[in-house]
Amino acid sequence: DGGAAVDGQVLDMFLLSTGVHTIHVTSVDNLGNGSELTWTFEMQATSQSLIANIDRGYVTRQIRSRETYLLMRYRITMAAVAHKMNDHETEWKRLRLLIDEVKRARGKTITVSYADKIIGWAQETIDARR
């Protein structure tokens, strides 16, 4: 997202928003021979990826309440179970419940910026209907 990286640096996809991203690589060897390569990829949220995101949000203290974390973890786990059972209507209903819970906790037990990310990820999953 406009930042530079160095050779061997790990790119943390957790920090990227959903949507299309481009990686542009430029390299030069010791003799001055250079090359360039560009990759484009799309980040998509899923119920399963939201589980990991909620876990990480709790570990990094963006979700500051264990009670809030456990309720969110339960809601997203149940959404992922519904997805695996191809019961997408139930999955989306559970994601909407997650969104409502995050909105209530936003700025209280979840940082505002992280709450907005979770809401965006969950809403994208609903909107994509996958």
N, C-alpha and C. Protein backbone atom coordinates (compact mmCIF):
# COMPACT_ATOMS: atom_id res chain seq x y z
N ASP A 1 0.83 -1.20 0.00
CA ASP A 1 0.00 0.00 0.00
C ASP A 1 0.87 1.25 0.00
N GLY A 2 1.78 1.30 -0.93
CA GLY A 2 2.62 2.47 -1.10
C GLY A 2 3.91 2.45 -0.31
N GLY A 3 4.11 1.46 0.53
CA GLY A 3 5.32 1.39 1.33
C GLY A 3 6.38 0.55 0.67
N ALA A 4 7.61 0.83 1.04
CA ALA A 4 8.73 0.06 0.51
C ALA A 4 9.03 -1.11 1.44
N ALA A 5 9.58 -2.16 0.88
CA ALA A 5 10.01 -3.33 1.65
C ALA A 5 11.43 -3.67 1.21
N VAL A 6 12.11 -4.41 2.06
CA VAL A 6 13.47 -4.81 1.73
C VAL A 6 13.50 -6.32 1.48
N ASP A 7 14.56 -6.77 0.84
CA ASP A 7 14.73 -8.19 0.53
C ASP A 7 14.59 -9.04 1.78
N GLY A 8 13.73 -10.03 1.72
CA GLY A 8 13.53 -10.95 2.83
C GLY A 8 12.50 -10.50 3.85
N GLN A 9 11.97 -9.31 3.70
CA GLN A 9 10.98 -8.80 4.66
C GLN A 9 9.68 -9.59 4.52
N VAL A 10 9.08 -9.93 5.65
CA VAL A 10 7.79 -10.61 5.66
C VAL A 10 6.70 -9.56 5.48
N LEU A 11 5.79 -9.81 4.57
CA LEU A 11 4.66 -8.91 4.36
C LEU A 11 3.48 -9.46 5.16
N ASP A 12 3.01 -8.71 6.12
CA ASP A 12 1.93 -9.13 7.00
C ASP A 12 0.59 -8.80 6.36
N MET A 13 -0.07 -9.79 5.80
CA MET A 13 -1.32 -9.58 5.10
C MET A 13 -2.45 -9.14 6.04
N PHE A 14 -2.30 -9.41 7.32
CA PHE A 14 -3.28 -8.99 8.31
C PHE A 14 -3.45 -7.47 8.30
N LEU A 15 -2.40 -6.76 7.98
CA LEU A 15 -2.44 -5.31 8.02
C LEU A 15 -3.08 -4.70 6.78
N LEU A 16 -3.34 -5.51 5.76
CA LEU A 16 -3.93 -5.00 4.53
C LEU A 16 -5.45 -5.00 4.62
N SER A 17 -6.05 -4.04 3.98
CA SER A 17 -7.51 -4.04 3.86
C SER A 17 -7.90 -5.03 2.77
N THR A 18 -9.16 -5.38 2.74
CA THR A 18 -9.63 -6.26 1.66
C THR A 18 -9.62 -5.46 0.36
N GLY A 19 -9.65 -6.17 -0.74
CA GLY A 19 -9.64 -5.52 -2.04
C GLY A 19 -8.39 -5.87 -2.82
N VAL A 20 -8.18 -5.17 -3.91
CA VAL A 20 -7.07 -5.45 -4.82
C VAL A 20 -5.81 -4.73 -4.33
N HIS A 21 -4.71 -5.45 -4.37
CA HIS A 21 -3.40 -4.92 -4.00
C HIS A 21 -2.40 -5.29 -5.09
N THR A 22 -1.35 -4.49 -5.20
CA THR A 22 -0.32 -4.73 -6.19
C THR A 22 1.04 -4.72 -5.50
N ILE A 23 1.85 -5.70 -5.85
CA ILE A 23 3.23 -5.74 -5.39
C ILE A 23 4.10 -5.50 -6.61
N HIS A 24 4.97 -4.51 -6.50
CA HIS A 24 5.89 -4.19 -7.59
C HIS A 24 7.30 -4.44 -7.05
N VAL A 25 8.02 -5.32 -7.71
CA VAL A 25 9.36 -5.70 -7.27
C VAL A 25 10.39 -5.21 -8.29
N THR A 26 11.40 -4.55 -7.77
CA THR A 26 12.53 -4.11 -8.59
C THR A 26 13.79 -4.71 -7.98
N SER A 27 14.62 -5.30 -8.81
CA SER A 27 15.86 -5.87 -8.28
C SER A 27 17.03 -5.48 -9.19
N VAL A 28 18.19 -5.38 -8.56
CA VAL A 28 19.42 -5.07 -9.30
C VAL A 28 20.52 -5.95 -8.72
N ASP A 29 21.26 -6.63 -9.61
CA ASP A 29 22.36 -7.47 -9.11
C ASP A 29 23.63 -6.64 -8.96
N ASN A 30 24.69 -7.29 -8.55
CA ASN A 30 25.96 -6.59 -8.30
C ASN A 30 26.59 -5.99 -9.55
N LEU A 31 26.18 -6.44 -10.73
CA LEU A 31 26.71 -5.90 -11.98
C LEU A 31 25.83 -4.79 -12.55
N GLY A 32 24.74 -4.47 -11.84
CA GLY A 32 23.85 -3.41 -12.29
C GLY A 32 22.74 -3.87 -13.20
N ASN A 33 22.62 -5.19 -13.42
CA ASN A 33 21.52 -5.72 -14.23
C ASN A 33 20.23 -5.66 -13.39
N GLY A 34 19.21 -5.11 -13.96
CA GLY A 34 17.97 -4.95 -13.21
C GLY A 34 16.79 -5.64 -13.87
N SER A 35 15.78 -5.88 -13.07
CA SER A 35 14.52 -6.41 -13.59
C SER A 35 13.39 -5.93 -12.69
N GLU A 36 12.20 -5.99 -13.25
CA GLU A 36 11.00 -5.58 -12.51
C GLU A 36 9.90 -6.60 -12.76
N LEU A 37 9.07 -6.75 -11.76
CA LEU A 37 7.94 -7.68 -11.85
C LEU A 37 6.81 -7.11 -11.02
N THR A 38 5.59 -7.24 -11.51
CA THR A 38 4.41 -6.75 -10.79
C THR A 38 3.40 -7.88 -10.63
N TRP A 39 2.88 -8.02 -9.41
CA TRP A 39 1.81 -8.98 -9.12
C TRP A 39 0.62 -8.22 -8.56
N THR A 40 -0.54 -8.63 -8.97
CA THR A 40 -1.78 -8.09 -8.42
C THR A 40 -2.54 -9.24 -7.78
N PHE A 41 -3.07 -8.99 -6.59
CA PHE A 41 -3.84 -10.02 -5.90
C PHE A 41 -4.99 -9.35 -5.15
N GLU A 42 -5.98 -10.15 -4.80
CA GLU A 42 -7.14 -9.63 -4.08
C GLU A 42 -7.25 -10.28 -2.72
N MET A 43 -7.38 -9.45 -1.69
CA MET A 43 -7.61 -9.93 -0.32
C MET A 43 -9.11 -10.03 -0.13
N GLN A 44 -9.56 -11.18 0.35
CA GLN A 44 -10.98 -11.38 0.60
C GLN A 44 -11.17 -11.92 2.01
N ALA A 45 -12.10 -11.33 2.72
CA ALA A 45 -12.44 -11.83 4.05
C ALA A 45 -13.39 -13.01 3.91
N THR A 46 -13.26 -13.95 4.82
CA THR A 46 -14.18 -15.08 4.92
C THR A 46 -14.50 -15.28 6.39
N SER A 47 -15.52 -16.04 6.67
CA SER A 47 -15.82 -16.34 8.07
C SER A 47 -14.63 -16.99 8.74
N GLN A 48 -13.96 -17.88 8.04
CA GLN A 48 -12.80 -18.57 8.62
C GLN A 48 -11.66 -17.59 8.90
N SER A 49 -11.41 -16.66 7.99
CA SER A 49 -10.31 -15.71 8.23
C SER A 49 -10.65 -14.76 9.37
N LEU A 50 -11.92 -14.48 9.58
CA LEU A 50 -12.32 -13.61 10.68
C LEU A 50 -12.00 -14.22 12.04
N ILE A 51 -12.01 -15.53 12.14
CA ILE A 51 -11.64 -16.18 13.40
C ILE A 51 -10.21 -15.79 13.77
N ALA A 52 -9.30 -15.93 12.82
CA ALA A 52 -7.90 -15.57 13.07
C ALA A 52 -7.76 -14.08 13.35
N ASN A 53 -8.52 -13.25 12.66
CA ASN A 53 -8.44 -11.81 12.87
C ASN A 53 -8.92 -11.42 14.27
N ILE A 54 -9.97 -12.06 14.73
CA ILE A 54 -10.48 -11.77 16.08
C ILE A 54 -9.48 -12.25 17.12
N ASP A 55 -8.90 -13.41 16.91
CA ASP A 55 -7.87 -13.91 17.84
C ASP A 55 -6.70 -12.92 17.92
N ARG A 56 -6.25 -12.48 16.77
CA ARG A 56 -5.11 -11.56 16.75
C ARG A 56 -5.48 -10.21 17.37
N GLY A 57 -6.68 -9.76 17.13
CA GLY A 57 -7.13 -8.51 17.73
C GLY A 57 -7.14 -8.58 19.25
N TYR A 58 -7.45 -9.73 19.79
CA TYR A 58 -7.44 -9.90 21.25
C TYR A 58 -6.00 -9.94 21.77
N VAL A 59 -5.15 -10.68 21.10
CA VAL A 59 -3.75 -10.80 21.53
C VAL A 59 -3.05 -9.44 21.48
N THR A 60 -3.37 -8.63 20.49
CA THR A 60 -2.73 -7.32 20.35
C THR A 60 -3.46 -6.22 21.12
N ARG A 61 -4.46 -6.59 21.92
CA ARG A 61 -5.20 -5.69 22.80
C ARG A 61 -6.05 -4.67 22.04
N GLN A 62 -6.39 -4.98 20.80
CA GLN A 62 -7.35 -4.14 20.09
C GLN A 62 -8.76 -4.50 20.52
N ILE A 63 -8.93 -5.73 20.97
CA ILE A 63 -10.15 -6.16 21.67
C ILE A 63 -9.71 -6.27 23.13
N ARG A 64 -10.21 -5.38 23.97
CA ARG A 64 -9.67 -5.24 25.32
C ARG A 64 -10.42 -6.02 26.39
N SER A 65 -11.53 -6.61 26.05
CA SER A 65 -12.33 -7.34 27.03
C SER A 65 -12.40 -8.81 26.64
N ARG A 66 -12.08 -9.67 27.60
CA ARG A 66 -12.17 -11.11 27.34
C ARG A 66 -13.61 -11.51 27.03
N GLU A 67 -14.57 -10.92 27.71
CA GLU A 67 -15.98 -11.22 27.47
C GLU A 67 -16.39 -10.86 26.04
N THR A 68 -15.99 -9.68 25.61
CA THR A 68 -16.28 -9.24 24.23
C THR A 68 -15.61 -10.19 23.24
N TYR A 69 -14.35 -10.50 23.49
CA TYR A 69 -13.61 -11.42 22.61
C TYR A 69 -14.32 -12.77 22.50
N LEU A 70 -14.69 -13.34 23.64
CA LEU A 70 -15.32 -14.67 23.62
C LEU A 70 -16.66 -14.65 22.90
N LEU A 71 -17.44 -13.60 23.09
CA LEU A 71 -18.72 -13.50 22.39
C LEU A 71 -18.49 -13.37 20.88
N MET A 72 -17.55 -12.54 20.49
CA MET A 72 -17.24 -12.38 19.07
C MET A 72 -16.72 -13.69 18.49
N ARG A 73 -15.85 -14.35 19.23
CA ARG A 73 -15.25 -15.63 18.78
C ARG A 73 -16.34 -16.67 18.58
N TYR A 74 -17.29 -16.70 19.50
CA TYR A 74 -18.42 -17.65 19.38
C TYR A 74 -19.24 -17.34 18.13
N ARG A 75 -19.59 -16.07 17.95
CA ARG A 75 -20.43 -15.70 16.79
C ARG A 75 -19.74 -16.04 15.47
N ILE A 76 -18.47 -15.74 15.36
CA ILE A 76 -17.78 -15.99 14.09
C ILE A 76 -17.53 -17.47 13.88
N THR A 77 -17.28 -18.21 14.95
CA THR A 77 -17.10 -19.66 14.82
C THR A 77 -18.39 -20.31 14.33
N MET A 78 -19.52 -19.88 14.87
CA MET A 78 -20.81 -20.42 14.43
C MET A 78 -21.10 -20.03 12.98
N ALA A 79 -20.67 -18.85 12.56
CA ALA A 79 -20.83 -18.45 11.16
C ALA A 79 -19.98 -19.35 10.26
N ALA A 80 -18.75 -19.65 10.69
CA ALA A 80 -17.86 -20.51 9.90
C ALA A 80 -18.42 -21.93 9.81
N VAL A 81 -19.01 -22.41 10.89
CA VAL A 81 -19.63 -23.74 10.87
C VAL A 81 -20.78 -23.76 9.86
N ALA A 82 -21.61 -22.73 9.88
CA ALA A 82 -22.72 -22.65 8.92
C ALA A 82 -22.19 -22.62 7.49
N HIS A 83 -21.10 -21.89 7.27
CA HIS A 83 -20.50 -21.84 5.93
C HIS A 83 -20.06 -23.23 5.48
N LYS A 84 -19.39 -23.95 6.36
CA LYS A 84 -18.93 -25.30 6.01
C LYS A 84 -20.08 -26.24 5.70
N MET A 85 -21.24 -25.97 6.28
CA MET A 85 -22.42 -26.80 6.04
C MET A 85 -23.22 -26.28 4.84
N ASN A 86 -22.66 -25.28 4.12
CA ASN A 86 -23.33 -24.65 2.97
C ASN A 86 -24.66 -24.01 3.35
N ASP A 87 -24.78 -23.60 4.60
CA ASP A 87 -25.97 -22.89 5.08
C ASP A 87 -25.60 -21.41 5.15
N HIS A 88 -25.55 -20.78 3.98
CA HIS A 88 -25.05 -19.41 3.91
C HIS A 88 -26.01 -18.38 4.49
N GLU A 89 -27.31 -18.63 4.41
CA GLU A 89 -28.26 -17.70 5.03
C GLU A 89 -27.99 -17.60 6.53
N THR A 90 -27.74 -18.73 7.18
CA THR A 90 -27.43 -18.73 8.61
C THR A 90 -26.07 -18.07 8.85
N GLU A 91 -25.11 -18.36 7.99
CA GLU A 91 -23.80 -17.73 8.11
C GLU A 91 -23.94 -16.21 8.09
N TRP A 92 -24.68 -15.67 7.14
CA TRP A 92 -24.82 -14.22 7.01
C TRP A 92 -25.59 -13.63 8.19
N LYS A 93 -26.59 -14.36 8.68
CA LYS A 93 -27.33 -13.91 9.86
C LYS A 93 -26.38 -13.80 11.06
N ARG A 94 -25.53 -14.78 11.22
CA ARG A 94 -24.57 -14.77 12.33
C ARG A 94 -23.53 -13.67 12.16
N LEU A 95 -23.14 -13.40 10.92
CA LEU A 95 -22.22 -12.29 10.67
C LEU A 95 -22.88 -10.95 11.00
N ARG A 96 -24.17 -10.82 10.71
CA ARG A 96 -24.88 -9.59 11.06
C ARG A 96 -24.93 -9.41 12.58
N LEU A 97 -25.11 -10.52 13.31
CA LEU A 97 -25.09 -10.46 14.78
C LEU A 97 -23.71 -10.03 15.28
N LEU A 98 -22.67 -10.53 14.63
CA LEU A 98 -21.31 -10.11 14.97
C LEU A 98 -21.15 -8.61 14.75
N ILE A 99 -21.60 -8.13 13.61
CA ILE A 99 -21.51 -6.69 13.30
C ILE A 99 -22.22 -5.88 14.37
N ASP A 100 -23.42 -6.29 14.77
CA ASP A 100 -24.16 -5.58 15.81
C ASP A 100 -23.39 -5.55 17.12
N GLU A 101 -22.78 -6.68 17.48
CA GLU A 101 -22.00 -6.77 18.72
C GLU A 101 -20.79 -5.84 18.65
N VAL A 102 -20.11 -5.82 17.53
CA VAL A 102 -18.93 -4.97 17.37
C VAL A 102 -19.33 -3.50 17.44
N LYS A 103 -20.45 -3.15 16.83
CA LYS A 103 -20.91 -1.75 16.89
C LYS A 103 -21.18 -1.33 18.34
N ARG A 104 -21.76 -2.22 19.14
CA ARG A 104 -22.02 -1.90 20.55
C ARG A 104 -20.72 -1.72 21.34
N ALA A 105 -19.70 -2.50 20.99
CA ALA A 105 -18.44 -2.47 21.74
C ALA A 105 -17.44 -1.45 21.19
N ARG A 106 -17.74 -0.89 20.03
CA ARG A 106 -16.83 0.03 19.34
C ARG A 106 -16.50 1.23 20.23
N GLY A 107 -15.21 1.43 20.46
CA GLY A 107 -14.77 2.55 21.28
C GLY A 107 -14.86 2.28 22.77
N LYS A 108 -15.41 1.14 23.13
CA LYS A 108 -15.52 0.79 24.55
C LYS A 108 -14.55 -0.34 24.86
N THR A 109 -14.87 -1.54 24.37
CA THR A 109 -13.99 -2.68 24.62
C THR A 109 -13.25 -3.13 23.36
N ILE A 110 -13.49 -2.43 22.25
CA ILE A 110 -12.77 -2.65 21.00
C ILE A 110 -12.34 -1.27 20.50
N THR A 111 -11.09 -1.14 20.09
CA THR A 111 -10.66 0.14 19.55
C THR A 111 -11.51 0.50 18.34
N VAL A 112 -11.71 1.78 18.14
CA VAL A 112 -12.56 2.25 17.04
C VAL A 112 -12.02 1.75 15.70
N SER A 113 -10.73 1.89 15.48
CA SER A 113 -10.16 1.50 14.18
C SER A 113 -10.30 0.00 13.95
N TYR A 114 -10.11 -0.80 14.99
CA TYR A 114 -10.21 -2.25 14.80
C TYR A 114 -11.67 -2.68 14.63
N ALA A 115 -12.56 -2.04 15.36
CA ALA A 115 -13.99 -2.33 15.20
C ALA A 115 -14.41 -2.07 13.75
N ASP A 116 -13.94 -0.96 13.21
CA ASP A 116 -14.28 -0.63 11.82
C ASP A 116 -13.75 -1.69 10.85
N LYS A 117 -12.54 -2.20 11.12
CA LYS A 117 -11.99 -3.26 10.27
C LYS A 117 -12.85 -4.52 10.34
N ILE A 118 -13.20 -4.94 11.55
CA ILE A 118 -14.00 -6.15 11.71
C ILE A 118 -15.35 -6.00 11.02
N ILE A 119 -15.98 -4.86 11.22
CA ILE A 119 -17.27 -4.60 10.56
C ILE A 119 -17.10 -4.68 9.04
N GLY A 120 -16.06 -4.07 8.51
CA GLY A 120 -15.82 -4.11 7.07
C GLY A 120 -15.59 -5.52 6.56
N TRP A 121 -14.76 -6.30 7.29
CA TRP A 121 -14.50 -7.68 6.87
C TRP A 121 -15.79 -8.51 6.88
N ALA A 122 -16.57 -8.38 7.94
CA ALA A 122 -17.80 -9.16 8.04
C ALA A 122 -18.80 -8.74 6.96
N GLN A 123 -18.93 -7.43 6.75
CA GLN A 123 -19.87 -6.95 5.74
C GLN A 123 -19.44 -7.38 4.35
N GLU A 124 -18.13 -7.36 4.08
CA GLU A 124 -17.66 -7.81 2.78
C GLU A 124 -18.00 -9.28 2.55
N THR A 125 -17.88 -10.08 3.58
CA THR A 125 -18.20 -11.51 3.48
C THR A 125 -19.68 -11.70 3.14
N ILE A 126 -20.53 -10.91 3.79
CA ILE A 126 -21.97 -10.96 3.50
C ILE A 126 -22.23 -10.51 2.06
N ASP A 127 -21.64 -9.37 1.69
CA ASP A 127 -21.90 -8.78 0.37
C ASP A 127 -21.39 -9.68 -0.76
N ALA A 128 -20.27 -10.38 -0.52
CA ALA A 128 -19.69 -11.24 -1.57
C ALA A 128 -20.51 -12.50 -1.77
N ARG A 129 -21.27 -12.90 -0.77
CA ARG A 129 -22.13 -14.10 -0.86
C ARG A 129 -21.36 -15.33 -1.29
N ARG A 130 -20.17 -15.53 -0.64
CA ARG A 130 -19.39 -16.70 -0.96
C ARG A 130 -19.37 -17.66 0.20
